Amino acid sequence: GKGREGVAAIDRYGNTFYLESVEGQFTISRDNA
């Protein structure tokens, strides 16, 4: 009933973005190596 929503994202420079409702609750990270 909700469809697809973006939860979090991280770009090539390490900048992160979050859905407002999960900010402070979820953490996105990447290990390029």
PDB file of all heavy atoms in Angstrom:
ATOM      1  N   GLY A   1       0.769  -1.225   0.000  1.00  0.00           N
ATOM      2  CA  GLY A   1       0.000   0.000   0.000  1.00  0.00           C
ATOM      3  C   GLY A   1       0.804   1.280   0.000  1.00  0.00           C
ATOM      4  O   GLY A   1       0.219   2.371  -0.053  1.00  0.00           O
ATOM      5  N   LYS A   2       2.141   1.187   0.043  1.00  0.00           N
ATOM      6  CA  LYS A   2       2.966   2.398   0.131  1.00  0.00           C
ATOM      7  C   LYS A   2       3.787   2.678  -1.124  1.00  0.00           C
ATOM      8  O   LYS A   2       4.220   3.804  -1.345  1.00  0.00           O
ATOM      9  CB  LYS A   2       3.906   2.314   1.334  1.00  0.00           C
ATOM     10  CG  LYS A   2       3.214   2.409   2.680  1.00  0.00           C
ATOM     11  CD  LYS A   2       4.214   2.686   3.788  1.00  0.00           C
ATOM     12  CE  LYS A   2       4.840   4.068   3.645  1.00  0.00           C
ATOM     13  NZ  LYS A   2       5.792   4.358   4.764  1.00  0.00           N
ATOM     14  N   GLY A   3       4.030   1.669  -1.933  1.00  0.00           N
ATOM     15  CA  GLY A   3       4.869   1.850  -3.092  1.00  0.00           C
ATOM     16  C   GLY A   3       6.344   1.893  -2.722  1.00  0.00           C
ATOM     17  O   GLY A   3       6.725   1.629  -1.581  1.00  0.00           O
ATOM     18  N   ARG A   4       7.166   2.245  -3.680  1.00  0.00           N
ATOM     19  CA  ARG A   4       8.605   2.262  -3.476  1.00  0.00           C
ATOM     20  C   ARG A   4       9.068   3.634  -3.001  1.00  0.00           C
ATOM     21  O   ARG A   4       8.764   4.648  -3.631  1.00  0.00           O
ATOM     22  CB  ARG A   4       9.321   1.888  -4.768  1.00  0.00           C
ATOM     23  CG  ARG A   4      10.813   1.658  -4.615  1.00  0.00           C
ATOM     24  CD  ARG A   4      11.420   1.173  -5.924  1.00  0.00           C
ATOM     25  NE  ARG A   4      10.793  -0.065  -6.370  1.00  0.00           N
ATOM     26  CZ  ARG A   4      11.137  -0.719  -7.470  1.00  0.00           C
ATOM     27  NH1 ARG A   4      12.106  -0.259  -8.244  1.00  0.00           N
ATOM     28  NH2 ARG A   4      10.492  -1.821  -7.811  1.00  0.00           N
ATOM     29  N   GLU A   5       9.804   3.659  -1.914  1.00  0.00           N
ATOM     30  CA  GLU A   5      10.312   4.910  -1.376  1.00  0.00           C
ATOM     31  C   GLU A   5      11.802   4.811  -1.098  1.00  0.00           C
ATOM     32  O   GLU A   5      12.308   3.759  -0.703  1.00  0.00           O
ATOM     33  CB  GLU A   5       9.563   5.319  -0.111  1.00  0.00           C
ATOM     34  CG  GLU A   5       9.723   4.382   1.067  1.00  0.00           C
ATOM     35  CD  GLU A   5       8.983   4.857   2.304  1.00  0.00           C
ATOM     36  OE1 GLU A   5       8.465   5.991   2.309  1.00  0.00           O
ATOM     37  OE2 GLU A   5       8.918   4.085   3.282  1.00  0.00           O
ATOM     38  N   GLY A   6      12.489   5.918  -1.307  1.00  0.00           N
ATOM     39  CA  GLY A   6      13.905   5.969  -1.012  1.00  0.00           C
ATOM     40  C   GLY A   6      14.135   6.067   0.479  1.00  0.00           C
ATOM     41  O   GLY A   6      13.546   6.916   1.150  1.00  0.00           O
ATOM     42  N   VAL A   7      14.985   5.211   1.007  1.00  0.00           N
ATOM     43  CA  VAL A   7      15.299   5.187   2.423  1.00  0.00           C
ATOM     44  C   VAL A   7      16.576   5.961   2.712  1.00  0.00           C
ATOM     45  O   VAL A   7      16.625   6.780   3.634  1.00  0.00           O
ATOM     46  CB  VAL A   7      15.427   3.737   2.931  1.00  0.00           C
ATOM     47  CG1 VAL A   7      15.815   3.714   4.406  1.00  0.00           C
ATOM     48  CG2 VAL A   7      14.126   2.979   2.703  1.00  0.00           C
ATOM     49  N   ALA A   8      17.607   5.703   1.929  1.00  0.00           N
ATOM     50  CA  ALA A   8      18.891   6.362   2.128  1.00  0.00           C
ATOM     51  C   ALA A   8      19.729   6.219   0.876  1.00  0.00           C
ATOM     52  O   ALA A   8      19.518   5.312   0.067  1.00  0.00           O
ATOM     53  CB  ALA A   8      19.633   5.766   3.332  1.00  0.00           C
ATOM     54  N   ALA A   9      20.691   7.109   0.707  1.00  0.00           N
ATOM     55  CA  ALA A   9      21.608   7.037  -0.419  1.00  0.00           C
ATOM     56  C   ALA A   9      22.955   7.605  -0.011  1.00  0.00           C
ATOM     57  O   ALA A   9      23.058   8.398   0.935  1.00  0.00           O
ATOM     58  CB  ALA A   9      21.060   7.794  -1.630  1.00  0.00           C
ATOM     59  N   ILE A  10      23.988   7.205  -0.737  1.00  0.00           N
ATOM     60  CA  ILE A  10      25.335   7.705  -0.498  1.00  0.00           C
ATOM     61  C   ILE A  10      26.033   7.839  -1.845  1.00  0.00           C
ATOM     62  O   ILE A  10      25.985   6.937  -2.677  1.00  0.00           O
ATOM     63  CB  ILE A  10      26.107   6.769   0.470  1.00  0.00           C
ATOM     64  CG1 ILE A  10      27.502   7.326   0.758  1.00  0.00           C
ATOM     65  CG2 ILE A  10      26.169   5.344  -0.070  1.00  0.00           C
ATOM     66  CD1 ILE A  10      28.186   6.614   1.921  1.00  0.00           C
ATOM     67  N   ASP A  11      26.666   8.986  -2.080  1.00  0.00           N
ATOM     68  CA  ASP A  11      27.306   9.210  -3.360  1.00  0.00           C
ATOM     69  C   ASP A  11      28.779   8.827  -3.314  1.00  0.00           C
ATOM     70  O   ASP A  11      29.283   8.320  -2.311  1.00  0.00           O
ATOM     71  CB  ASP A  11      27.097  10.649  -3.840  1.00  0.00           C
ATOM     72  CG  ASP A  11      27.817  11.699  -2.997  1.00  0.00           C
ATOM     73  OD1 ASP A  11      28.713  11.356  -2.198  1.00  0.00           O
ATOM     74  OD2 ASP A  11      27.480  12.895  -3.148  1.00  0.00           O
ATOM     75  N   ARG A  12      29.482   9.079  -4.413  1.00  0.00           N
ATOM     76  CA  ARG A  12      30.873   8.670  -4.547  1.00  0.00           C
ATOM     77  C   ARG A  12      31.795   9.373  -3.562  1.00  0.00           C
ATOM     78  O   ARG A  12      32.892   8.889  -3.285  1.00  0.00           O
ATOM     79  CB  ARG A  12      31.356   8.919  -5.976  1.00  0.00           C
ATOM     80  CG  ARG A  12      31.318  10.388  -6.377  1.00  0.00           C
ATOM     81  CD  ARG A  12      31.614  10.580  -7.851  1.00  0.00           C
ATOM     82  NE  ARG A  12      32.969  10.158  -8.202  1.00  0.00           N
ATOM     83  CZ  ARG A  12      33.509  10.316  -9.397  1.00  0.00           C
ATOM     84  NH1 ARG A  12      32.800  10.888 -10.371  1.00  0.00           N
ATOM     85  NH2 ARG A  12      34.739   9.887  -9.639  1.00  0.00           N
ATOM     86  N   TYR A  13      31.367  10.527  -3.050  1.00  0.00           N
ATOM     87  CA  TYR A  13      32.187  11.298  -2.131  1.00  0.00           C
ATOM     88  C   TYR A  13      31.877  11.015  -0.666  1.00  0.00           C
ATOM     89  O   TYR A  13      32.517  11.580   0.217  1.00  0.00           O
ATOM     90  CB  TYR A  13      32.019  12.791  -2.407  1.00  0.00           C
ATOM     91  CG  TYR A  13      32.278  13.156  -3.843  1.00  0.00           C
ATOM     92  CD1 TYR A  13      31.237  13.536  -4.690  1.00  0.00           C
ATOM     93  CD2 TYR A  13      33.563  13.115  -4.365  1.00  0.00           C
ATOM     94  CE1 TYR A  13      31.471  13.859  -6.012  1.00  0.00           C
ATOM     95  CE2 TYR A  13      33.806  13.437  -5.687  1.00  0.00           C
ATOM     96  CZ  TYR A  13      32.757  13.811  -6.506  1.00  0.00           C
ATOM     97  OH  TYR A  13      32.998  14.131  -7.820  1.00  0.00           O
ATOM     98  N   GLY A  14      30.871  10.162  -0.417  1.00  0.00           N
ATOM     99  CA  GLY A  14      30.505   9.841   0.945  1.00  0.00           C
ATOM    100  C   GLY A  14      29.392  10.701   1.506  1.00  0.00           C
ATOM    101  O   GLY A  14      29.054  10.562   2.691  1.00  0.00           O
ATOM    102  N   ASN A  15      28.824  11.598   0.703  1.00  0.00           N
ATOM    103  CA  ASN A  15      27.667  12.363   1.152  1.00  0.00           C
ATOM    104  C   ASN A  15      26.467  11.439   1.300  1.00  0.00           C
ATOM    105  O   ASN A  15      26.222  10.595   0.438  1.00  0.00           O
ATOM    106  CB  ASN A  15      27.341  13.477   0.156  1.00  0.00           C
ATOM    107  CG  ASN A  15      28.472  14.469   0.012  1.00  0.00           C
ATOM    108  OD1 ASN A  15      28.958  15.022   0.995  1.00  0.00           O
ATOM    109  ND2 ASN A  15      28.906  14.705  -1.230  1.00  0.00           N
ATOM    110  N   THR A  16      25.731  11.603   2.374  1.00  0.00           N
ATOM    111  CA  THR A  16      24.596  10.731   2.651  1.00  0.00           C
ATOM    112  C   THR A  16      23.285  11.497   2.642  1.00  0.00           C
ATOM    113  O   THR A  16      23.240  12.699   2.917  1.00  0.00           O
ATOM    114  CB  THR A  16      24.764  10.022   4.000  1.00  0.00           C
ATOM    115  OG1 THR A  16      24.924  11.002   5.038  1.00  0.00           O
ATOM    116  CG2 THR A  16      25.991   9.119   3.979  1.00  0.00           C
ATOM    117  N   PHE A  17      22.226  10.777   2.343  1.00  0.00           N
ATOM    118  CA  PHE A  17      20.890  11.343   2.251  1.00  0.00           C
ATOM    119  C   PHE A  17      19.917  10.349   2.870  1.00  0.00           C
ATOM    120  O   PHE A  17      20.088   9.134   2.730  1.00  0.00           O
ATOM    121  CB  PHE A  17      20.517  11.602   0.781  1.00  0.00           C
ATOM    122  CG  PHE A  17      21.582  12.320   0.013  1.00  0.00           C
ATOM    123  CD1 PHE A  17      22.590  11.617  -0.626  1.00  0.00           C
ATOM    124  CD2 PHE A  17      21.582  13.706  -0.063  1.00  0.00           C
ATOM    125  CE1 PHE A  17      23.582  12.275  -1.335  1.00  0.00           C
ATOM    126  CE2 PHE A  17      22.573  14.375  -0.766  1.00  0.00           C
ATOM    127  CZ  PHE A  17      23.571  13.655  -1.397  1.00  0.00           C
ATOM    128  N   TYR A  18      18.892  10.864   3.549  1.00  0.00           N
ATOM    129  CA  TYR A  18      17.972   9.998   4.257  1.00  0.00           C
ATOM    130  C   TYR A  18      16.533  10.450   4.104  1.00  0.00           C
ATOM    131  O   TYR A  18      16.232  11.647   4.016  1.00  0.00           O
ATOM    132  CB  TYR A  18      18.288   9.964   5.755  1.00  0.00           C
ATOM    133  CG  TYR A  18      19.604   9.321   6.093  1.00  0.00           C
ATOM    134  CD1 TYR A  18      20.740  10.091   6.267  1.00  0.00           C
ATOM    135  CD2 TYR A  18      19.703   7.942   6.241  1.00  0.00           C
ATOM    136  CE1 TYR A  18      21.960   9.500   6.575  1.00  0.00           C
ATOM    137  CE2 TYR A  18      20.910   7.347   6.550  1.00  0.00           C
ATOM    138  CZ  TYR A  18      22.035   8.135   6.715  1.00  0.00           C
ATOM    139  OH  TYR A  18      23.240   7.543   7.022  1.00  0.00           O
ATOM    140  N   LEU A  19      15.656   9.471   4.097  1.00  0.00           N
ATOM    141  CA  LEU A  19      14.245   9.730   4.268  1.00  0.00           C
ATOM    142  C   LEU A  19      14.065  10.343   5.658  1.00  0.00           C
ATOM    143  O   LEU A  19      14.649   9.858   6.638  1.00  0.00           O
ATOM    144  CB  LEU A  19      13.467   8.419   4.148  1.00  0.00           C
ATOM    145  CG  LEU A  19      11.961   8.438   4.337  1.00  0.00           C
ATOM    146  CD1 LEU A  19      11.276   9.169   3.187  1.00  0.00           C
ATOM    147  CD2 LEU A  19      11.443   7.006   4.425  1.00  0.00           C
ATOM    148  N   GLU A  20      13.281  11.412   5.763  1.00  0.00           N
ATOM    149  CA  GLU A  20      13.143  12.112   7.030  1.00  0.00           C
ATOM    150  C   GLU A  20      12.725  11.201   8.179  1.00  0.00           C
ATOM    151  O   GLU A  20      13.212  11.354   9.304  1.00  0.00           O
ATOM    152  CB  GLU A  20      12.139  13.267   6.900  1.00  0.00           C
ATOM    153  CG  GLU A  20      12.672  14.483   6.163  1.00  0.00           C
ATOM    154  CD  GLU A  20      12.394  14.429   4.668  1.00  0.00           C
ATOM    155  OE1 GLU A  20      12.135  13.328   4.139  1.00  0.00           O
ATOM    156  OE2 GLU A  20      12.426  15.489   4.034  1.00  0.00           O
ATOM    157  N   SER A  21      11.858  10.249   7.907  1.00  0.00           N
ATOM    158  CA  SER A  21      11.332   9.412   8.966  1.00  0.00           C
ATOM    159  C   SER A  21      12.356   8.435   9.545  1.00  0.00           C
ATOM    160  O   SER A  21      12.134   7.893  10.627  1.00  0.00           O
ATOM    161  CB  SER A  21      10.103   8.638   8.479  1.00  0.00           C
ATOM    162  OG  SER A  21      10.440   7.758   7.427  1.00  0.00           O
ATOM    163  N   VAL A  22      13.473   8.209   8.852  1.00  0.00           N
ATOM    164  CA  VAL A  22      14.492   7.288   9.348  1.00  0.00           C
ATOM    165  C   VAL A  22      15.786   7.992   9.728  1.00  0.00           C
ATOM    166  O   VAL A  22      16.716   7.347  10.222  1.00  0.00           O
ATOM    167  CB  VAL A  22      14.801   6.157   8.347  1.00  0.00           C
ATOM    168  CG1 VAL A  22      13.533   5.433   7.938  1.00  0.00           C
ATOM    169  CG2 VAL A  22      15.544   6.699   7.129  1.00  0.00           C
ATOM    170  N   GLU A  23      15.871   9.290   9.514  1.00  0.00           N
ATOM    171  CA  GLU A  23      17.083  10.034   9.855  1.00  0.00           C
ATOM    172  C   GLU A  23      17.340   9.936  11.352  1.00  0.00           C
ATOM    173  O   GLU A  23      16.454  10.183  12.166  1.00  0.00           O
ATOM    174  CB  GLU A  23      16.955  11.494   9.419  1.00  0.00           C
ATOM    175  CG  GLU A  23      18.261  12.258   9.468  1.00  0.00           C
ATOM    176  CD  GLU A  23      18.193  13.574   8.725  1.00  0.00           C
ATOM    177  OE1 GLU A  23      17.088  13.950   8.275  1.00  0.00           O
ATOM    178  OE2 GLU A  23      19.227  14.239   8.584  1.00  0.00           O
ATOM    179  N   GLY A  24      18.558   9.552  11.692  1.00  0.00           N
ATOM    180  CA  GLY A  24      18.919   9.339  13.082  1.00  0.00           C
ATOM    181  C   GLY A  24      18.658   7.925  13.546  1.00  0.00           C
ATOM    182  O   GLY A  24      19.137   7.526  14.615  1.00  0.00           O
ATOM    183  N   GLN A  25      17.916   7.173  12.761  1.00  0.00           N
ATOM    184  CA  GLN A  25      17.587   5.785  13.080  1.00  0.00           C
ATOM    185  C   GLN A  25      18.384   4.816  12.218  1.00  0.00           C
ATOM    186  O   GLN A  25      18.875   3.808  12.703  1.00  0.00           O
ATOM    187  CB  GLN A  25      16.090   5.552  12.888  1.00  0.00           C
ATOM    188  CG  GLN A  25      15.622   4.142  13.157  1.00  0.00           C
ATOM    189  CD  GLN A  25      14.191   3.911  12.694  1.00  0.00           C
ATOM    190  OE1 GLN A  25      13.491   4.840  12.295  1.00  0.00           O
ATOM    191  NE2 GLN A  25      13.745   2.653  12.725  1.00  0.00           N
ATOM    192  N   PHE A  26      18.512   5.134  10.925  1.00  0.00           N
ATOM    193  CA  PHE A  26      19.256   4.309   9.983  1.00  0.00           C
ATOM    194  C   PHE A  26      20.557   5.005   9.608  1.00  0.00           C
ATOM    195  O   PHE A  26      20.642   6.243   9.606  1.00  0.00           O
ATOM    196  CB  PHE A  26      18.455   4.079   8.702  1.00  0.00           C
ATOM    197  CG  PHE A  26      17.228   3.216   8.857  1.00  0.00           C
ATOM    198  CD1 PHE A  26      16.857   2.693  10.082  1.00  0.00           C
ATOM    199  CD2 PHE A  26      16.443   2.925   7.751  1.00  0.00           C
ATOM    200  CE1 PHE A  26      15.729   1.905  10.223  1.00  0.00           C
ATOM    201  CE2 PHE A  26      15.315   2.134   7.866  1.00  0.00           C
ATOM    202  CZ  PHE A  26      14.952   1.625   9.103  1.00  0.00           C
ATOM    203  N   THR A  27      21.568   4.214   9.260  1.00  0.00           N
ATOM    204  CA  THR A  27      22.845   4.742   8.815  1.00  0.00           C
ATOM    205  C   THR A  27      23.297   3.992   7.571  1.00  0.00           C
ATOM    206  O   THR A  27      23.406   2.769   7.590  1.00  0.00           O
ATOM    207  CB  THR A  27      23.922   4.621   9.902  1.00  0.00           C
ATOM    208  OG1 THR A  27      23.494   5.286  11.095  1.00  0.00           O
ATOM    209  CG2 THR A  27      25.227   5.260   9.420  1.00  0.00           C
ATOM    210  N   ILE A  28      23.559   4.728   6.499  1.00  0.00           N
ATOM    211  CA  ILE A  28      24.058   4.124   5.275  1.00  0.00           C
ATOM    212  C   ILE A  28      25.566   4.328   5.195  1.00  0.00           C
ATOM    213  O   ILE A  28      26.090   5.369   5.594  1.00  0.00           O
ATOM    214  CB  ILE A  28      23.354   4.712   4.029  1.00  0.00           C
ATOM    215  CG1 ILE A  28      23.731   3.926   2.770  1.00  0.00           C
ATOM    216  CG2 ILE A  28      23.661   6.193   3.857  1.00  0.00           C
ATOM    217  CD1 ILE A  28      22.912   4.311   1.541  1.00  0.00           C
ATOM    218  N   SER A  29      26.263   3.328   4.704  1.00  0.00           N
ATOM    219  CA  SER A  29      27.706   3.420   4.543  1.00  0.00           C
ATOM    220  C   SER A  29      28.131   2.549   3.369  1.00  0.00           C
ATOM    221  O   SER A  29      27.361   1.707   2.895  1.00  0.00           O
ATOM    222  CB  SER A  29      28.444   3.009   5.824  1.00  0.00           C
ATOM    223  OG  SER A  29      28.157   1.661   6.165  1.00  0.00           O
ATOM    224  N   ARG A  30      29.350   2.771   2.912  1.00  0.00           N
ATOM    225  CA  ARG A  30      29.866   1.964   1.810  1.00  0.00           C
ATOM    226  C   ARG A  30      31.340   1.678   2.032  1.00  0.00           C
ATOM    227  O   ARG A  30      32.065   2.465   2.650  1.00  0.00           O
ATOM    228  CB  ARG A  30      29.649   2.652   0.456  1.00  0.00           C
ATOM    229  CG  ARG A  30      30.440   3.937   0.259  1.00  0.00           C
ATOM    230  CD  ARG A  30      29.954   4.712  -0.970  1.00  0.00           C
ATOM    231  NE  ARG A  30      30.120   3.967  -2.206  1.00  0.00           N
ATOM    232  CZ  ARG A  30      29.586   4.320  -3.371  1.00  0.00           C
ATOM    233  NH1 ARG A  30      28.818   5.402  -3.457  1.00  0.00           N
ATOM    234  NH2 ARG A  30      29.803   3.581  -4.457  1.00  0.00           N
ATOM    235  N   ASP A  31      31.776   0.546   1.516  1.00  0.00           N
ATOM    236  CA  ASP A  31      33.172   0.155   1.546  1.00  0.00           C
ATOM    237  C   ASP A  31      33.550  -0.131   0.104  1.00  0.00           C
ATOM    238  O   ASP A  31      33.282  -1.219  -0.411  1.00  0.00           O
ATOM    239  CB  ASP A  31      33.384  -1.069   2.429  1.00  0.00           C
ATOM    240  CG  ASP A  31      34.846  -1.446   2.587  1.00  0.00           C
ATOM    241  OD1 ASP A  31      35.678  -1.026   1.758  1.00  0.00           O
ATOM    242  OD2 ASP A  31      35.166  -2.170   3.545  1.00  0.00           O
ATOM    243  N   ASN A  32      34.154   0.852  -0.541  1.00  0.00           N
ATOM    244  CA  ASN A  32      34.457   0.714  -1.958  1.00  0.00           C
ATOM    245  C   ASN A  32      35.503  -0.368  -2.229  1.00  0.00           C
ATOM    246  O   ASN A  32      35.472  -1.009  -3.280  1.00  0.00           O
ATOM    247  CB  ASN A  32      34.925   2.052  -2.529  1.00  0.00           C
ATOM    248  CG  ASN A  32      33.809   3.062  -2.618  1.00  0.00           C
ATOM    249  OD1 ASN A  32      32.626   2.711  -2.644  1.00  0.00           O
ATOM    250  ND2 ASN A  32      34.165   4.343  -2.674  1.00  0.00           N
ATOM    251  N   ALA A  33      36.429  -0.553  -1.294  1.00  0.00           N
ATOM    252  CA  ALA A  33      37.452  -1.574  -1.464  1.00  0.00           C
ATOM    253  C   ALA A  33      36.836  -2.966  -1.523  1.00  0.00           C
ATOM    254  O   ALA A  33      37.369  -3.853  -2.190  1.00  0.00           O
ATOM    255  CB  ALA A  33      38.478  -1.492  -0.345  1.00  0.00           C
TER     256      ALA A  33
END
